[in-house]
Protein backbone atom coordinates (compact mmCIF):
# COMPACT_ATOMS: atom_id res chain seq x y z
CA MET A 1 141.19 -86.25 67.31
CA THR A 2 143.61 -83.76 66.56
CA LEU A 3 146.67 -82.69 66.92
CA LYS A 4 145.85 -80.17 70.16
CA THR A 5 144.26 -82.83 72.02
CA TYR A 6 147.18 -85.23 71.45
CA GLY A 7 149.49 -82.15 72.60
CA PHE A 8 147.43 -81.90 76.07
CA ILE A 9 148.19 -85.57 76.88
CA MET A 10 151.38 -85.54 76.08
CA ILE A 11 151.48 -82.48 78.04
CA ALA A 12 150.00 -84.62 80.84
CA PHE A 13 152.32 -87.26 81.01
CA GLY A 14 155.17 -85.45 80.76
CA ILE A 15 153.85 -83.99 84.03
CA ILE A 16 153.46 -86.85 85.50
CA TYR A 17 156.31 -88.94 84.46
CA ILE A 18 158.13 -85.59 86.24
CA ILE A 19 156.21 -85.96 89.79
CA LYS A 20 156.07 -89.60 90.15
CA PRO A 21 158.25 -91.62 87.50
CA ASN A 22 158.09 -95.05 89.14
CA VAL A 23 154.10 -94.57 88.92
CA PHE A 24 154.04 -96.57 86.20
CA LYS A 25 157.15 -99.33 87.19
CA ALA A 26 155.01 -100.51 89.57
CA GLY A 27 151.57 -100.02 88.55
CA ILE A 28 150.61 -100.84 84.75
CA TRP A 29 153.53 -102.00 83.73
CA LYS A 30 154.07 -105.12 85.95
CA LYS A 31 156.75 -107.12 83.74
CA THR A 32 160.25 -105.79 83.91
CA ALA A 33 161.54 -103.30 80.84
CA ILE A 34 164.88 -103.03 79.50
CA THR A 35 165.67 -99.77 81.00
CA GLN A 36 164.33 -101.06 84.74
CA GLN A 37 167.29 -103.88 84.09
CA VAL A 38 170.02 -101.74 82.56
CA PHE A 39 169.66 -99.05 85.09
CA SER A 40 169.87 -98.37 88.91
CA PRO A 41 166.81 -96.87 90.39
CA LYS A 42 168.44 -93.55 90.77
CA GLN A 43 169.44 -93.81 87.14
CA TYR A 44 165.76 -94.69 86.20
CA GLU A 45 164.48 -91.89 88.13
CA ARG A 46 166.40 -89.43 85.84
CA TYR A 47 165.61 -90.94 82.98
CA ILE A 48 161.92 -90.75 83.09
CA ARG A 49 162.28 -87.65 84.32
CA ILE A 50 163.92 -86.27 81.49
CA LEU A 51 161.21 -88.25 78.84
CA GLY A 52 158.63 -86.26 80.91
CA VAL A 53 160.61 -83.19 79.70
CA PHE A 54 160.72 -84.40 76.54
CA ALA A 55 157.46 -84.99 76.32
CA ILE A 56 156.58 -81.58 77.57
CA ILE A 57 158.56 -80.37 74.47
CA LEU A 58 156.27 -81.91 72.21
CA GLY A 59 153.11 -81.52 73.46
CA LEU A 60 153.69 -77.35 73.53
CA TYR A 61 155.08 -78.59 69.71
CA PHE A 62 151.57 -79.99 68.59
CA ILE A 63 149.79 -77.23 70.71
CA LEU A 64 151.63 -74.31 69.03
CA ARG A 65 151.56 -76.07 65.50
């Protein structure tokens, strides 16, 4: 796979993280992560949304590189 493909995948995950921050919490990874134990639910959503923004920025970097 090329860097552009990884860029599009990163952007897709970033968008999912921003729109639905709890989708992976209850859906795919059922085990409780450290971030879920340490943060309150509101802090956890904010953390995941920030990760989504970073994923989009990294994806754009990969695409434009």
